[in-house]
């Protein structure tokens, strides 16, 4: 059995929706659809409702490293890979 290790380079651990859309080559509308609702399919930073507000405000922050790790594990069928952050 081969013991090759796949190395994947990503720009940062946490990205904005616009950066995610550019990295994954999807539209902003698709990113919004994936990050909203009760069960988002993209891991996002927990949002906090500030005192005196009805909804959480501010930009959504996406855990890109966690997303990429899940995608690689599904695609390759193993976890023998290495993520290089900041490359």
PDB file of N, CA and C in Angstrom:
ATOM      1  N   UNK A   1       0.843  -1.179   0.000  1.00  0.00           N
ATOM      2  CA  UNK A   1       0.000   0.000   0.000  1.00  0.00           C
ATOM      3  C   UNK A   1       0.890   1.245   0.000  1.00  0.00           C
ATOM      4  N   UNK A   2       0.568   2.173  -0.815  1.00  0.00           N
ATOM      5  CA  UNK A   2       1.363   3.391  -0.942  1.00  0.00           C
ATOM      6  C   UNK A   2       1.183   4.276   0.281  1.00  0.00           C
ATOM      7  N   UNK A   3       2.262   4.905   0.684  1.00  0.00           N
ATOM      8  CA  UNK A   3       2.192   5.802   1.834  1.00  0.00           C
ATOM      9  C   UNK A   3       2.444   7.237   1.399  1.00  0.00           C
ATOM     10  N   UNK A   4       1.895   7.606   0.268  1.00  0.00           N
ATOM     11  CA  UNK A   4       2.060   8.968  -0.229  1.00  0.00           C
ATOM     12  C   UNK A   4       1.228   9.931   0.599  1.00  0.00           C
ATOM     13  N   UNK A   5       1.757  11.108   0.779  1.00  0.00           N
ATOM     14  CA  UNK A   5       1.045  12.147   1.513  1.00  0.00           C
ATOM     15  C   UNK A   5       0.758  13.284   0.545  1.00  0.00           C
ATOM     16  N   UNK A   6      -0.496  13.670   0.465  1.00  0.00           N
ATOM     17  CA  UNK A   6      -0.905  14.776  -0.385  1.00  0.00           C
ATOM     18  C   UNK A   6      -0.750  16.074   0.400  1.00  0.00           C
ATOM     19  N   UNK A   7      -0.125  17.068  -0.188  1.00  0.00           N
ATOM     20  CA  UNK A   7       0.061  18.363   0.467  1.00  0.00           C
ATOM     21  C   UNK A   7      -0.807  19.389  -0.251  1.00  0.00           C
ATOM     22  N   UNK A   8      -1.653  20.076   0.524  1.00  0.00           N
ATOM     23  CA  UNK A   8      -2.561  21.079  -0.024  1.00  0.00           C
ATOM     24  C   UNK A   8      -2.259  22.409   0.645  1.00  0.00           C
ATOM     25  N   UNK A   9      -2.090  23.451  -0.154  1.00  0.00           N
ATOM     26  CA  UNK A   9      -1.783  24.780   0.371  1.00  0.00           C
ATOM     27  C   UNK A   9      -3.042  25.641   0.351  1.00  0.00           C
ATOM     28  N   UNK A  10      -3.331  26.295   1.479  1.00  0.00           N
ATOM     29  CA  UNK A  10      -4.475  27.200   1.573  1.00  0.00           C
ATOM     30  C   UNK A  10      -3.980  28.535   2.129  1.00  0.00           C
ATOM     31  N   UNK A  11      -4.656  29.653   1.777  1.00  0.00           N
ATOM     32  CA  UNK A  11      -4.154  30.973   2.182  1.00  0.00           C
ATOM     33  C   UNK A  11      -4.263  31.265   3.675  1.00  0.00           C
ATOM     34  N   UNK A  12      -5.379  30.892   4.305  1.00  0.00           N
ATOM     35  CA  UNK A  12      -5.540  31.140   5.734  1.00  0.00           C
ATOM     36  C   UNK A  12      -6.584  30.194   6.306  1.00  0.00           C
ATOM     37  N   UNK A  13      -6.615  30.113   7.630  1.00  0.00           N
ATOM     38  CA  UNK A  13      -7.533  29.197   8.299  1.00  0.00           C
ATOM     39  C   UNK A  13      -8.974  29.698   8.236  1.00  0.00           C
ATOM     40  N   UNK A  14      -9.162  31.014   8.387  1.00  0.00           N
ATOM     41  CA  UNK A  14     -10.495  31.622   8.368  1.00  0.00           C
ATOM     42  C   UNK A  14     -10.559  32.616   7.216  1.00  0.00           C
ATOM     43  N   UNK A  15     -11.635  32.541   6.413  1.00  0.00           N
ATOM     44  CA  UNK A  15     -11.783  33.437   5.264  1.00  0.00           C
ATOM     45  C   UNK A  15     -13.170  34.072   5.270  1.00  0.00           C
ATOM     46  N   UNK A  16     -13.314  35.132   4.493  1.00  0.00           N
ATOM     47  CA  UNK A  16     -14.610  35.790   4.324  1.00  0.00           C
ATOM     48  C   UNK A  16     -15.383  35.079   3.216  1.00  0.00           C
ATOM     49  N   UNK A  17     -16.683  35.335   3.100  1.00  0.00           N
ATOM     50  CA  UNK A  17     -17.465  34.711   2.020  1.00  0.00           C
ATOM     51  C   UNK A  17     -16.944  35.038   0.622  1.00  0.00           C
ATOM     52  N   UNK A  18     -16.456  36.259   0.410  1.00  0.00           N
ATOM     53  CA  UNK A  18     -15.930  36.635  -0.904  1.00  0.00           C
ATOM     54  C   UNK A  18     -14.651  35.861  -1.231  1.00  0.00           C
ATOM     55  N   UNK A  19     -13.777  35.712  -0.237  1.00  0.00           N
ATOM     56  CA  UNK A  19     -12.557  34.934  -0.446  1.00  0.00           C
ATOM     57  C   UNK A  19     -12.890  33.464  -0.706  1.00  0.00           C
ATOM     58  N   UNK A  20     -13.864  32.934   0.045  1.00  0.00           N
ATOM     59  CA  UNK A  20     -14.272  31.542  -0.138  1.00  0.00           C
ATOM     60  C   UNK A  20     -14.811  31.321  -1.545  1.00  0.00           C
ATOM     61  N   UNK A  21     -15.631  32.262  -2.024  1.00  0.00           N
ATOM     62  CA  UNK A  21     -16.190  32.148  -3.375  1.00  0.00           C
ATOM     63  C   UNK A  21     -15.081  32.136  -4.421  1.00  0.00           C
ATOM     64  N   UNK A  22     -14.075  32.966  -4.243  1.00  0.00           N
ATOM     65  CA  UNK A  22     -12.967  33.004  -5.198  1.00  0.00           C
ATOM     66  C   UNK A  22     -12.125  31.729  -5.130  1.00  0.00           C
ATOM     67  N   UNK A  23     -11.875  31.232  -3.928  1.00  0.00           N
ATOM     68  CA  UNK A  23     -11.050  30.032  -3.769  1.00  0.00           C
ATOM     69  C   UNK A  23     -11.737  28.778  -4.300  1.00  0.00           C
ATOM     70  N   UNK A  24     -13.040  28.662  -4.061  1.00  0.00           N
ATOM     71  CA  UNK A  24     -13.780  27.465  -4.469  1.00  0.00           C
ATOM     72  C   UNK A  24     -14.456  27.618  -5.829  1.00  0.00           C
ATOM     73  N   UNK A  25     -14.334  28.793  -6.435  1.00  0.00           N
ATOM     74  CA  UNK A  25     -14.922  29.084  -7.750  1.00  0.00           C
ATOM     75  C   UNK A  25     -16.434  28.853  -7.776  1.00  0.00           C
ATOM     76  N   UNK A  26     -17.118  29.418  -6.776  1.00  0.00           N
ATOM     77  CA  UNK A  26     -18.580  29.415  -6.726  1.00  0.00           C
ATOM     78  C   UNK A  26     -19.043  30.855  -6.579  1.00  0.00           C
ATOM     79  N   UNK A  27     -20.326  31.088  -6.774  1.00  0.00           N
ATOM     80  CA  UNK A  27     -20.848  32.451  -6.668  1.00  0.00           C
ATOM     81  C   UNK A  27     -21.075  32.829  -5.204  1.00  0.00           C
ATOM     82  N   UNK A  28     -21.191  34.123  -4.962  1.00  0.00           N
ATOM     83  CA  UNK A  28     -21.467  34.627  -3.615  1.00  0.00           C
ATOM     84  C   UNK A  28     -22.832  34.138  -3.141  1.00  0.00           C
ATOM     85  N   UNK A  29     -23.803  34.069  -4.048  1.00  0.00           N
ATOM     86  CA  UNK A  29     -25.141  33.582  -3.694  1.00  0.00           C
ATOM     87  C   UNK A  29     -25.077  32.141  -3.188  1.00  0.00           C
ATOM     88  N   UNK A  30     -24.256  31.330  -3.809  1.00  0.00           N
ATOM     89  CA  UNK A  30     -24.097  29.942  -3.372  1.00  0.00           C
ATOM     90  C   UNK A  30     -23.463  29.884  -1.988  1.00  0.00           C
ATOM     91  N   UNK A  31     -22.476  30.722  -1.742  1.00  0.00           N
ATOM     92  CA  UNK A  31     -21.827  30.761  -0.428  1.00  0.00           C
ATOM     93  C   UNK A  31     -22.827  31.194   0.633  1.00  0.00           C
ATOM     94  N   UNK A  32     -23.635  32.193   0.343  1.00  0.00           N
ATOM     95  CA  UNK A  32     -24.654  32.642   1.301  1.00  0.00           C
ATOM     96  C   UNK A  32     -25.650  31.528   1.596  1.00  0.00           C
ATOM     97  N   UNK A  33     -26.040  30.799   0.560  1.00  0.00           N
ATOM     98  CA  UNK A  33     -26.988  29.694   0.727  1.00  0.00           C
ATOM     99  C   UNK A  33     -26.385  28.595   1.597  1.00  0.00           C
ATOM    100  N   UNK A  34     -25.090  28.318   1.410  1.00  0.00           N
ATOM    101  CA  UNK A  34     -24.420  27.276   2.178  1.00  0.00           C
ATOM    102  C   UNK A  34     -24.147  27.673   3.625  1.00  0.00           C
ATOM    103  N   UNK A  35     -24.097  28.981   3.924  1.00  0.00           N
ATOM    104  CA  UNK A  35     -23.746  29.419   5.278  1.00  0.00           C
ATOM    105  C   UNK A  35     -24.940  29.842   6.117  1.00  0.00           C
ATOM    106  N   UNK A  36     -26.132  29.900   5.545  1.00  0.00           N
ATOM    107  CA  UNK A  36     -27.289  30.362   6.306  1.00  0.00           C
ATOM    108  C   UNK A  36     -28.186  29.203   6.699  1.00  0.00           C
ATOM    109  N   UNK A  37     -29.170  29.506   7.526  1.00  0.00           N
ATOM    110  CA  UNK A  37     -30.116  28.487   7.962  1.00  0.00           C
ATOM    111  C   UNK A  37     -29.689  27.864   9.285  1.00  0.00           C
ATOM    112  N   UNK A  38     -30.481  26.901   9.734  1.00  0.00           N
ATOM    113  CA  UNK A  38     -30.199  26.250  11.007  1.00  0.00           C
ATOM    114  C   UNK A  38     -29.041  25.260  10.923  1.00  0.00           C
ATOM    115  N   UNK A  39     -28.818  24.690   9.737  1.00  0.00           N
ATOM    116  CA  UNK A  39     -27.770  23.685   9.583  1.00  0.00           C
ATOM    117  C   UNK A  39     -26.891  24.015   8.375  1.00  0.00           C
ATOM    118  N   UNK A  40     -25.952  24.958   8.514  1.00  0.00           N
ATOM    119  CA  UNK A  40     -25.106  25.313   7.369  1.00  0.00           C
ATOM    120  C   UNK A  40     -24.162  24.171   7.007  1.00  0.00           C
ATOM    121  N   UNK A  41     -23.908  23.988   5.715  1.00  0.00           N
ATOM    122  CA  UNK A  41     -23.005  22.909   5.292  1.00  0.00           C
ATOM    123  C   UNK A  41     -21.549  23.359   5.278  1.00  0.00           C
ATOM    124  N   UNK A  42     -21.299  24.645   5.434  1.00  0.00           N
ATOM    125  CA  UNK A  42     -19.935  25.160   5.563  1.00  0.00           C
ATOM    126  C   UNK A  42     -19.732  25.522   7.034  1.00  0.00           C
ATOM    127  N   UNK A  43     -18.635  25.085   7.653  1.00  0.00           N
ATOM    128  CA  UNK A  43     -18.407  25.441   9.056  1.00  0.00           C
ATOM    129  C   UNK A  43     -18.116  26.938   9.204  1.00  0.00           C
ATOM    130  N   UNK A  44     -18.931  27.619  10.010  1.00  0.00           N
ATOM    131  CA  UNK A  44     -18.759  29.057  10.222  1.00  0.00           C
ATOM    132  C   UNK A  44     -18.495  29.330  11.697  1.00  0.00           C
ATOM    133  N   UNK A  45     -17.912  30.490  11.950  1.00  0.00           N
ATOM    134  CA  UNK A  45     -17.670  30.925  13.318  1.00  0.00           C
ATOM    135  C   UNK A  45     -19.015  31.244  13.962  1.00  0.00           C
ATOM    136  N   UNK A  46     -19.255  30.803  15.200  1.00  0.00           N
ATOM    137  CA  UNK A  46     -20.535  31.090  15.849  1.00  0.00           C
ATOM    138  C   UNK A  46     -20.784  32.595  15.929  1.00  0.00           C
ATOM    139  N   UNK A  47     -22.005  32.989  15.590  1.00  0.00           N
ATOM    140  CA  UNK A  47     -22.342  34.406  15.587  1.00  0.00           C
ATOM    141  C   UNK A  47     -23.037  34.759  16.893  1.00  0.00           C
ATOM    142  N   UNK A  48     -22.803  35.968  17.367  1.00  0.00           N
ATOM    143  CA  UNK A  48     -23.326  36.414  18.654  1.00  0.00           C
ATOM    144  C   UNK A  48     -24.301  37.558  18.434  1.00  0.00           C
ATOM    145  N   UNK A  49     -25.442  37.489  19.114  1.00  0.00           N
ATOM    146  CA  UNK A  49     -26.410  38.586  19.067  1.00  0.00           C
ATOM    147  C   UNK A  49     -26.032  39.560  20.179  1.00  0.00           C
ATOM    148  N   UNK A  50     -25.692  40.771  19.802  1.00  0.00           N
ATOM    149  CA  UNK A  50     -25.268  41.774  20.770  1.00  0.00           C
ATOM    150  C   UNK A  50     -26.474  42.296  21.551  1.00  0.00           C
ATOM    151  N   UNK A  51     -26.247  42.795  22.765  1.00  0.00           N
ATOM    152  CA  UNK A  51     -27.353  43.317  23.566  1.00  0.00           C
ATOM    153  C   UNK A  51     -28.088  44.447  22.848  1.00  0.00           C
ATOM    154  N   UNK A  52     -29.400  44.406  22.889  1.00  0.00           N
ATOM    155  CA  UNK A  52     -30.214  45.424  22.244  1.00  0.00           C
ATOM    156  C   UNK A  52     -30.488  45.161  20.776  1.00  0.00           C
ATOM    157  N   UNK A  53     -29.988  44.067  20.239  1.00  0.00           N
ATOM    158  CA  UNK A  53     -30.194  43.725  18.828  1.00  0.00           C
ATOM    159  C   UNK A  53     -31.113  42.515  18.710  1.00  0.00           C
ATOM    160  N   UNK A  54     -31.732  42.385  17.548  1.00  0.00           N
ATOM    161  CA  UNK A  54     -32.604  41.237  17.300  1.00  0.00           C
ATOM    162  C   UNK A  54     -31.885  40.127  16.542  1.00  0.00           C
ATOM    163  N   UNK A  55     -30.897  40.514  15.731  1.00  0.00           N
ATOM    164  CA  UNK A  55     -30.159  39.538  14.925  1.00  0.00           C
ATOM    165  C   UNK A  55     -28.660  39.758  15.078  1.00  0.00           C
ATOM    166  N   UNK A  56     -27.915  38.749  14.725  1.00  0.00           N
ATOM    167  CA  UNK A  56     -26.458  38.883  14.727  1.00  0.00           C
ATOM    168  C   UNK A  56     -26.053  39.747  13.538  1.00  0.00           C
ATOM    169  N   UNK A  57     -25.083  40.611  13.744  1.00  0.00           N
ATOM    170  CA  UNK A  57     -24.625  41.475  12.660  1.00  0.00           C
ATOM    171  C   UNK A  57     -23.159  41.192  12.380  1.00  0.00           C
ATOM    172  N   UNK A  58     -22.673  41.759  11.322  1.00  0.00           N
ATOM    173  CA  UNK A  58     -21.281  41.565  10.953  1.00  0.00           C
ATOM    174  C   UNK A  58     -21.125  40.496   9.896  1.00  0.00           C
ATOM    175  N   UNK A  59     -19.904  40.392   9.389  1.00  0.00           N
ATOM    176  CA  UNK A  59     -19.615  39.450   8.320  1.00  0.00           C
ATOM    177  C   UNK A  59     -19.463  38.030   8.861  1.00  0.00           C
ATOM    178  N   UNK A  60     -19.915  37.077   8.096  1.00  0.00           N
ATOM    179  CA  UNK A  60     -19.741  35.667   8.433  1.00  0.00           C
ATOM    180  C   UNK A  60     -18.278  35.304   8.203  1.00  0.00           C
ATOM    181  N   UNK A  61     -17.703  34.547   9.128  1.00  0.00           N
ATOM    182  CA  UNK A  61     -16.320  34.077   8.976  1.00  0.00           C
ATOM    183  C   UNK A  61     -16.353  32.566   8.805  1.00  0.00           C
ATOM    184  N   UNK A  62     -15.742  32.098   7.737  1.00  0.00           N
ATOM    185  CA  UNK A  62     -15.795  30.685   7.366  1.00  0.00           C
ATOM    186  C   UNK A  62     -14.494  30.000   7.779  1.00  0.00           C
ATOM    187  N   UNK A  63     -14.626  28.842   8.442  1.00  0.00           N
ATOM    188  CA  UNK A  63     -13.468  28.025   8.792  1.00  0.00           C
ATOM    189  C   UNK A  63     -13.049  27.246   7.550  1.00  0.00           C
ATOM    190  N   UNK A  64     -12.186  27.851   6.738  1.00  0.00           N
ATOM    191  CA  UNK A  64     -11.801  27.265   5.455  1.00  0.00           C
ATOM    192  C   UNK A  64     -10.944  26.013   5.626  1.00  0.00           C
ATOM    193  N   UNK A  65     -10.072  26.000   6.622  1.00  0.00           N
ATOM    194  CA  UNK A  65      -9.208  24.835   6.838  1.00  0.00           C
ATOM    195  C   UNK A  65     -10.045  23.607   7.180  1.00  0.00           C
ATOM    196  N   UNK A  66     -11.037  23.781   8.030  1.00  0.00           N
ATOM    197  CA  UNK A  66     -11.907  22.667   8.406  1.00  0.00           C
ATOM    198  C   UNK A  66     -12.711  22.176   7.197  1.00  0.00           C
ATOM    199  N   UNK A  67     -13.227  23.116   6.386  1.00  0.00           N
ATOM    200  CA  UNK A  67     -13.987  22.769   5.180  1.00  0.00           C
ATOM    201  C   UNK A  67     -13.121  21.972   4.209  1.00  0.00           C
ATOM    202  N   UNK A  68     -11.902  22.465   3.971  1.00  0.00           N
ATOM    203  CA  UNK A  68     -11.008  21.812   3.013  1.00  0.00           C
ATOM    204  C   UNK A  68     -10.616  20.423   3.507  1.00  0.00           C
ATOM    205  N   UNK A  69     -10.396  20.287   4.802  1.00  0.00           N
ATOM    206  CA  UNK A  69     -10.047  18.993   5.380  1.00  0.00           C
ATOM    207  C   UNK A  69     -11.173  17.975   5.177  1.00  0.00           C
ATOM    208  N   UNK A  70     -12.413  18.392   5.424  1.00  0.00           N
ATOM    209  CA  UNK A  70     -13.566  17.505   5.210  1.00  0.00           C
ATOM    210  C   UNK A  70     -13.682  17.106   3.745  1.00  0.00           C
ATOM    211  N   UNK A  71     -13.518  18.074   2.834  1.00  0.00           N
ATOM    212  CA  UNK A  71     -13.637  17.796   1.406  1.00  0.00           C
ATOM    213  C   UNK A  71     -12.547  16.833   0.932  1.00  0.00           C
ATOM    214  N   UNK A  72     -11.320  17.039   1.392  1.00  0.00           N
ATOM    215  CA  UNK A  72     -10.222  16.156   0.998  1.00  0.00           C
ATOM    216  C   UNK A  72     -10.416  14.748   1.542  1.00  0.00           C
ATOM    217  N   UNK A  73     -10.877  14.648   2.772  1.00  0.00           N
ATOM    218  CA  UNK A  73     -11.103  13.336   3.366  1.00  0.00           C
ATOM    219  C   UNK A  73     -12.155  12.558   2.579  1.00  0.00           C
ATOM    220  N   UNK A  74     -13.214  13.249   2.142  1.00  0.00           N
ATOM    221  CA  UNK A  74     -14.253  12.600   1.329  1.00  0.00           C
ATOM    222  C   UNK A  74     -13.720  12.216  -0.050  1.00  0.00           C
ATOM    223  N   UNK A  75     -12.995  13.122  -0.694  1.00  0.00           N
ATOM    224  CA  UNK A  75     -12.524  12.892  -2.062  1.00  0.00           C
ATOM    225  C   UNK A  75     -11.438  11.818  -2.136  1.00  0.00           C
ATOM    226  N   UNK A  76     -10.488  11.855  -1.200  1.00  0.00           N
ATOM    227  CA  UNK A  76      -9.375  10.917  -1.249  1.00  0.00           C
ATOM    228  C   UNK A  76      -9.697   9.577  -0.592  1.00  0.00           C
ATOM    229  N   UNK A  77     -10.641   9.585   0.339  1.00  0.00           N
ATOM    230  CA  UNK A  77     -10.989   8.353   1.034  1.00  0.00           C
ATOM    231  C   UNK A  77     -10.028   7.990   2.151  1.00  0.00           C
ATOM    232  N   UNK A  78      -9.122   8.884   2.497  1.00  0.00           N
ATOM    233  CA  UNK A  78      -8.192   8.653   3.597  1.00  0.00           C
ATOM    234  C   UNK A  78      -7.801  10.005   4.187  1.00  0.00           C
ATOM    235  N   UNK A  79      -7.046   9.965   5.259  1.00  0.00           N
ATOM    236  CA  UNK A  79      -6.636  11.217   5.903  1.00  0.00           C
ATOM    237  C   UNK A  79      -5.120  11.395   5.873  1.00  0.00           C
ATOM    238  N   UNK A  80      -4.462  10.821   4.871  1.00  0.00           N
ATOM    239  CA  UNK A  80      -3.013  10.974   4.734  1.00  0.00           C
ATOM    240  C   UNK A  80      -2.707  12.186   3.856  1.00  0.00           C
ATOM    241  N   UNK A  81      -3.015  13.346   4.373  1.00  0.00           N
ATOM    242  CA  UNK A  81      -2.714  14.579   3.656  1.00  0.00           C
ATOM    243  C   UNK A  81      -2.306  15.632   4.663  1.00  0.00           C
ATOM    244  N   UNK A  82      -1.715  16.675   4.157  1.00  0.00           N
ATOM    245  CA  UNK A  82      -1.224  17.743   5.018  1.00  0.00           C
ATOM    246  C   UNK A  82      -1.696  19.075   4.461  1.00  0.00           C
ATOM    247  N   UNK A  83      -2.293  19.890   5.322  1.00  0.00           N
ATOM    248  CA  UNK A  83      -2.708  21.238   4.937  1.00  0.00           C
ATOM    249  C   UNK A  83      -1.612  22.213   5.342  1.00  0.00           C
ATOM    250  N   UNK A  84      -1.181  23.027   4.401  1.00  0.00           N
ATOM    251  CA  UNK A  84      -0.185  24.059   4.679  1.00  0.00           C
ATOM    252  C   UNK A  84      -0.921  25.390   4.663  1.00  0.00           C
ATOM    253  N   UNK A  85      -1.017  26.029   5.823  1.00  0.00           N
ATOM    254  CA  UNK A  85      -1.769  27.276   5.954  1.00  0.00           C
ATOM    255  C   UNK A  85      -0.822  28.456   5.788  1.00  0.00           C
ATOM    256  N   UNK A  86      -1.257  29.434   4.989  1.00  0.00           N
ATOM    257  CA  UNK A  86      -0.468  30.636   4.775  1.00  0.00           C
ATOM    258  C   UNK A  86       0.476  30.545   3.599  1.00  0.00           C
ATOM    259  N   UNK A  87       0.242  29.594   2.733  1.00  0.00           N
ATOM    260  CA  UNK A  87       1.135  29.421   1.580  1.00  0.00           C
ATOM    261  C   UNK A  87       0.598  30.144   0.371  1.00  0.00           C
TER     262      UNK A  87
END
